[in-house]
Amino acid sequence: MINRISFENELGIPLWLERGKLFAGGDYEVEHKESLLLADIKSQTINDDICYPEYIGDRYKLKILKETILNIPYLFNILKLSGTLLGIEFAKTRGRYTKSNHSVYLQGVSGSGFVIIQDTYFDPLTFAFRTKEVHIVYISQGTSLLIPPHYGYVIVNKTLRDLILLEVINEKIVQEEVFDNHKGAAFYIIYKNSRPEIVTNPYFSDSPNYKRYTKEMILKNKKLGSFTVDEIKQMLLSSHKAPIFSLLCSNNFNINQLLK
């Protein structure tokens, strides 16, 4: 019997995982965009001597086939990050920075992880890297996140099972890969004493403070904003510099609502 895991309740479209690969039905199609490889992020890990596992995940493009909604200004990607360890670190993506004035929308589909968001600058007086602010945000099925423009970010798995996220971006977004110069973000998520632990990246000149958004905070909606679909559309489309938010989303909050 083939083991098929459906994500239709989470996203409102026929999407499922089968034999480690994503598939879609109806008016949607999944196209493999790229494989995420250890070689691409080796320079951003604690131990750059590690050589296994070579493969750490996939990024898929979700294509919309329905002619009436072909001209939408969004791109939909599905990220699958393997539940594996890179030495003592959990699997993670390479750092990205949004240069254009567009937010990035992430929604948890399966599994759980963290998104580390920071602004980084080089201090010529100390000849070292510093951060003005760092946010470490929990993300899982049922939670979403808007990452504002002009921040670098990295997505980290926090368990030994796959993390699957929906990413929605503006079709005109301009991004670049970052964090190579200082071996990753300001913090690492490592596996210690059978649980994830946050440790500081020694390449930063001091121990930066960070604001952590836990699962309990998000689910209780404390100190966190919530957005309507129209507000999310506005932040994806315009040059609005959104604050960093997490929000509790429900099964009714799905891709079809963004396409209306």
Protein backbone atom coordinates (compact mmCIF):
# COMPACT_ATOMS: atom_id res chain seq x y z
CA MET A 1 0.00 0.00 0.00
CA ILE A 2 1.39 3.41 -0.98
CA ASN A 3 1.68 5.82 1.94
CA ARG A 4 0.15 9.15 0.85
CA ILE A 5 0.03 12.19 3.15
CA SER A 6 -2.52 14.82 2.11
CA PHE A 7 -2.15 18.55 2.85
CA GLU A 8 -5.49 19.61 1.40
CA ASN A 9 -6.85 20.65 4.79
CA GLU A 10 -3.83 22.88 5.40
CA LEU A 11 -3.74 24.64 2.03
CA GLY A 12 -7.20 24.20 0.53
CA ILE A 13 -5.86 22.55 -2.63
CA PRO A 14 -5.19 18.89 -3.57
CA LEU A 15 -1.53 18.58 -2.53
CA TRP A 16 0.07 15.43 -1.15
CA LEU A 17 3.38 13.78 -0.33
CA GLU A 18 4.01 10.33 -1.77
CA ARG A 19 7.29 8.37 -1.60
CA GLY A 20 9.13 11.51 -0.54
CA LYS A 21 7.88 13.66 -3.45
CA LEU A 22 5.16 16.30 -3.68
CA PHE A 23 2.23 16.06 -6.09
CA ALA A 24 -0.78 18.26 -6.82
CA GLY A 25 -4.10 17.71 -8.59
CA GLY A 26 -7.05 19.66 -9.95
CA ASP A 27 -6.04 23.11 -11.21
CA TYR A 28 -2.54 22.81 -9.77
CA GLU A 29 0.73 21.20 -10.74
CA VAL A 30 3.99 20.79 -8.81
CA GLU A 31 7.29 21.34 -10.59
CA HIS A 32 10.61 20.47 -8.96
CA LYS A 33 12.59 23.71 -8.81
CA GLU A 34 15.84 22.75 -7.06
CA SER A 35 17.43 20.29 -4.67
CA LEU A 36 18.86 21.73 -1.47
CA LEU A 37 22.38 20.40 -0.99
CA LEU A 38 24.82 20.41 1.89
CA ALA A 39 27.48 21.84 -0.43
CA ASP A 40 25.37 25.00 -0.85
CA ILE A 41 25.25 25.80 2.88
CA LYS A 42 28.51 24.27 4.11
CA SER A 43 30.03 27.70 4.60
CA GLN A 44 27.15 28.58 6.95
CA THR A 45 27.45 25.62 9.32
CA ILE A 46 29.29 25.29 12.63
CA ASN A 47 31.47 22.51 11.27
CA ASP A 48 32.36 23.00 7.61
CA ASP A 49 34.18 19.65 7.53
CA ILE A 50 30.94 17.67 7.46
CA CYS A 51 30.25 15.81 4.23
CA TYR A 52 27.02 13.93 4.99
CA PRO A 53 24.15 14.04 4.16
CA GLU A 54 24.68 15.49 0.69
CA TYR A 55 20.95 16.13 0.20
CA ILE A 56 18.91 18.17 2.71
CA GLY A 57 15.68 19.05 0.92
CA ASP A 58 13.77 20.31 -2.13
CA ARG A 59 12.10 23.46 -3.33
CA TYR A 60 9.04 23.04 -5.58
CA LYS A 61 7.14 25.54 -7.70
CA LEU A 62 3.36 25.35 -7.46
CA LYS A 63 1.90 26.07 -10.90
CA ILE A 64 -1.69 27.22 -11.34
CA LEU A 65 -3.36 25.82 -14.46
CA LYS A 66 -6.73 27.54 -14.21
CA GLU A 67 -6.89 30.16 -16.97
CA THR A 68 -9.03 32.61 -15.00
CA ILE A 69 -6.29 33.08 -12.38
CA LEU A 70 -3.16 32.91 -14.51
CA ASN A 71 -2.30 36.60 -14.17
CA ILE A 72 -1.87 36.73 -10.41
CA PRO A 73 1.22 38.65 -9.24
CA TYR A 74 2.40 35.98 -6.80
CA LEU A 75 4.75 33.02 -6.98
CA PHE A 76 3.98 29.95 -4.85
CA ASN A 77 6.81 27.71 -3.69
CA ILE A 78 6.77 24.63 -1.46
CA LEU A 79 9.87 24.00 0.66
CA LYS A 80 10.60 20.50 2.00
CA LEU A 81 13.47 20.49 4.49
CA SER A 82 14.65 17.05 5.58
CA GLY A 83 14.50 15.87 9.17
CA THR A 84 18.23 15.26 9.43
CA LEU A 85 21.26 16.58 11.24
CA LEU A 86 24.26 18.40 9.77
CA GLY A 87 26.72 17.30 12.41
CA ILE A 88 25.12 18.74 15.56
CA GLU A 89 22.97 21.26 13.66
CA PHE A 90 19.47 20.75 12.33
CA ALA A 91 18.97 20.99 8.55
CA LYS A 92 18.52 24.55 7.32
CA THR A 93 18.33 26.68 4.21
CA ARG A 94 20.96 29.07 2.95
CA GLY A 95 20.50 32.64 4.14
CA ARG A 96 18.41 34.96 1.96
CA TYR A 97 17.96 38.73 1.96
CA THR A 98 15.10 40.60 0.31
CA LYS A 99 16.47 43.66 -1.52
CA SER A 100 13.18 44.82 -2.99
CA ASN A 101 10.36 46.32 -0.94
CA HIS A 102 8.27 43.17 -0.68
CA SER A 103 7.39 40.93 2.26
CA VAL A 104 7.74 37.13 2.19
CA TYR A 105 4.82 35.03 3.44
CA LEU A 106 5.54 31.62 4.99
CA GLN A 107 2.91 29.14 6.17
CA GLY A 108 3.54 25.90 8.01
CA VAL A 109 2.19 22.81 6.26
CA SER A 110 3.81 19.91 8.13
CA GLY A 111 6.50 19.48 10.77
CA SER A 112 7.96 22.32 12.82
CA GLY A 113 10.95 24.61 12.75
CA PHE A 114 12.32 28.09 13.33
CA VAL A 115 12.84 31.09 11.09
CA ILE A 116 15.82 33.24 12.14
CA ILE A 117 15.37 36.81 10.92
CA GLN A 118 18.00 39.51 11.37
CA ASP A 119 19.57 42.65 10.02
CA THR A 120 23.36 42.39 9.81
CA TYR A 121 26.00 45.05 9.38
CA PHE A 122 29.78 45.16 9.38
CA ASP A 123 31.36 47.31 12.08
CA PRO A 124 34.62 48.81 10.72
CA LEU A 125 35.74 49.86 14.22
CA THR A 126 35.80 46.30 15.57
CA PHE A 127 36.22 44.71 12.14
CA ALA A 128 33.41 42.31 12.98
CA PHE A 129 29.79 41.62 12.16
CA ARG A 130 26.95 42.85 14.36
CA THR A 131 23.15 42.74 14.39
CA LYS A 132 20.66 45.41 15.38
CA GLU A 133 17.86 42.92 15.96
CA VAL A 134 17.29 39.18 15.71
CA HIS A 135 13.93 37.39 15.75
CA ILE A 136 13.66 33.60 16.17
CA VAL A 137 10.12 32.57 15.24
CA TYR A 138 8.54 29.15 15.69
CA ILE A 139 6.64 27.90 12.64
CA SER A 140 4.54 24.76 12.19
CA GLN A 141 1.24 23.58 10.78
CA GLY A 142 -1.31 26.22 11.78
CA THR A 143 1.08 29.19 12.03
CA SER A 144 2.22 31.73 9.47
CA LEU A 145 4.85 34.43 9.23
CA LEU A 146 5.40 37.63 7.27
CA ILE A 147 9.07 38.49 6.80
CA PRO A 148 9.51 42.20 6.02
CA PRO A 149 11.87 43.46 3.31
CA HIS A 150 15.52 44.32 3.98
CA TYR A 151 16.07 41.49 6.45
CA GLY A 152 18.14 38.35 6.08
CA TYR A 153 16.56 35.07 7.11
CA VAL A 154 17.20 31.35 7.33
CA ILE A 155 14.70 28.51 7.82
CA VAL A 156 15.73 25.75 10.24
CA ASN A 157 14.09 22.39 10.90
CA LYS A 158 13.81 21.61 14.61
CA THR A 159 12.90 17.92 14.54
CA LEU A 160 14.02 14.72 12.86
CA ARG A 161 10.98 14.68 10.56
CA ASP A 162 10.49 16.70 7.37
CA LEU A 163 9.50 20.35 7.60
CA ILE A 164 7.17 21.50 4.78
CA LEU A 165 6.33 25.18 4.24
CA LEU A 166 4.40 27.22 1.72
CA GLU A 167 6.23 30.34 0.52
CA VAL A 168 4.33 33.13 -1.27
CA ILE A 169 6.34 35.96 -2.83
CA ASN A 170 5.77 38.79 -5.25
CA GLU A 171 6.72 37.91 -8.83
CA LYS A 172 8.98 41.02 -8.90
CA ILE A 173 10.80 40.27 -5.65
CA VAL A 174 14.59 40.70 -5.69
CA GLN A 175 16.55 38.48 -3.31
CA GLU A 176 20.18 37.52 -2.80
CA GLU A 177 21.97 34.81 -0.84
CA VAL A 178 23.65 36.02 2.35
CA PHE A 179 25.46 34.93 5.54
CA ASP A 180 28.47 33.35 3.81
CA ASN A 181 30.88 35.94 5.25
CA HIS A 182 30.14 35.08 8.88
CA LYS A 183 29.31 31.36 8.81
CA GLY A 184 25.55 31.71 8.94
CA ALA A 185 23.02 33.66 10.96
CA ALA A 186 23.74 35.10 14.39
CA PHE A 187 22.45 31.90 16.01
CA TYR A 188 22.54 28.17 15.30
CA ILE A 189 19.89 25.60 16.23
CA ILE A 190 21.71 22.48 17.47
CA TYR A 191 20.63 19.08 18.75
CA LYS A 192 21.69 18.72 22.39
CA ASN A 193 20.35 16.48 25.15
CA SER A 194 17.66 15.16 22.77
CA ARG A 195 16.17 18.60 22.09
CA PRO A 196 16.86 21.72 20.02
CA GLU A 197 19.02 24.41 21.60
CA ILE A 198 19.86 27.93 20.42
CA VAL A 199 23.57 28.84 20.49
CA THR A 200 25.40 31.99 19.42
CA ASN A 201 27.48 32.20 16.25
CA PRO A 202 31.00 33.16 17.47
CA TYR A 203 31.68 35.13 14.28
CA PHE A 204 29.60 37.98 15.67
CA SER A 205 31.57 40.43 17.80
CA ASP A 206 29.27 40.24 20.80
CA SER A 207 26.45 38.02 21.95
CA PRO A 208 23.43 39.61 20.25
CA ASN A 209 20.10 39.63 21.97
CA TYR A 210 17.19 37.97 20.23
CA LYS A 211 13.44 38.06 20.51
CA ARG A 212 11.95 34.59 20.52
CA TYR A 213 8.40 33.81 19.45
CA THR A 214 7.50 30.44 20.96
CA LYS A 215 4.74 28.03 20.01
CA GLU A 216 2.85 28.95 23.17
CA MET A 217 3.02 32.69 22.41
CA ILE A 218 1.79 32.18 18.87
CA LEU A 219 -1.06 29.83 19.74
CA LYS A 220 -2.24 32.12 22.54
CA ASN A 221 -1.78 35.06 20.17
CA LYS A 222 0.00 37.10 22.84
CA LYS A 223 1.87 40.22 21.72
CA LEU A 224 1.36 39.14 18.13
CA GLY A 225 -0.67 40.64 15.35
CA SER A 226 -3.08 38.91 13.04
CA PHE A 227 -3.78 39.81 9.44
CA THR A 228 -6.66 39.59 7.06
CA VAL A 229 -6.04 38.10 3.64
CA ASP A 230 -6.36 41.56 2.08
CA GLU A 231 -3.64 42.92 4.37
CA ILE A 232 -1.33 40.05 3.46
CA LYS A 233 -1.93 40.74 -0.23
CA GLN A 234 -1.06 44.39 0.33
CA MET A 235 2.23 43.52 2.02
CA LEU A 236 3.16 41.09 -0.73
CA LEU A 237 2.38 43.61 -3.46
CA SER A 238 3.47 46.99 -2.14
CA SER A 239 6.53 48.65 -0.71
CA HIS A 240 5.01 48.60 2.76
CA LYS A 241 7.71 47.82 5.33
CA ALA A 242 5.80 45.35 7.44
CA PRO A 243 6.78 44.53 11.01
CA ILE A 244 7.64 40.94 11.83
CA PHE A 245 4.49 39.05 12.69
CA SER A 246 3.29 35.56 13.37
CA LEU A 247 -0.34 34.69 13.29
CA LEU A 248 -2.55 31.76 14.07
CA CYS A 249 -4.18 30.61 10.87
CA SER A 250 -7.01 28.14 10.42
CA ASN A 251 -7.92 25.61 7.76
CA ASN A 252 -9.98 28.33 6.08
CA PHE A 253 -6.84 30.36 5.49
CA ASN A 254 -5.69 28.79 2.26
CA ILE A 255 -4.23 29.44 -1.17
CA ASN A 256 -7.65 29.94 -2.75
CA GLN A 257 -8.20 33.00 -0.57
CA LEU A 258 -5.01 34.61 -1.89
CA LEU A 259 -6.16 33.97 -5.45
CA LYS A 260 -9.47 35.81 -5.14
